[in-house]
Protein backbone atom coordinates (compact mmCIF):
# COMPACT_ATOMS: atom_id res chain seq x y z
CA MET A 1 32.17 20.00 -48.31
CA VAL A 2 31.21 19.04 -51.68
CA VAL A 3 30.42 15.44 -50.57
CA LYS A 4 28.23 16.95 -47.66
CA THR A 5 26.15 18.95 -50.23
CA ILE A 6 25.88 15.72 -52.40
CA ILE A 7 24.61 13.89 -49.41
CA LEU A 8 22.18 16.75 -48.64
CA ASN A 9 20.88 16.62 -52.22
CA ARG A 10 20.36 12.91 -51.91
CA LEU A 11 18.59 13.22 -48.43
CA CYS A 12 16.44 15.87 -49.94
CA GLN A 13 15.41 13.84 -52.87
CA ILE A 14 14.44 10.94 -50.55
CA LEU A 15 12.65 13.00 -48.06
CA ASN A 16 11.15 15.34 -50.79
CA CYS A 17 12.24 18.60 -48.91
CA ARG A 18 14.29 21.59 -49.78
CA ILE A 19 18.00 22.04 -49.24
CA LYS A 20 17.38 25.40 -47.60
CA ASP A 21 15.13 23.77 -44.87
CA ILE A 22 18.15 21.48 -44.01
CA MET A 23 20.84 24.10 -44.36
CA GLU A 24 18.93 26.30 -41.86
CA TYR A 25 18.42 23.27 -39.53
CA VAL A 26 22.12 22.22 -39.80
CA PRO A 27 24.30 25.28 -38.76
CA ASP A 28 27.64 25.74 -40.60
CA ASP A 29 30.95 24.74 -38.95
CA LYS A 30 33.12 27.87 -38.39
């Protein structure tokens, strides 16, 4: 999960977007 968050952070920096937007778009696996 930590790696996933780091990747999301990197994508956000590249795409210049917010993590919240991505987190809302990608549902959590339960």
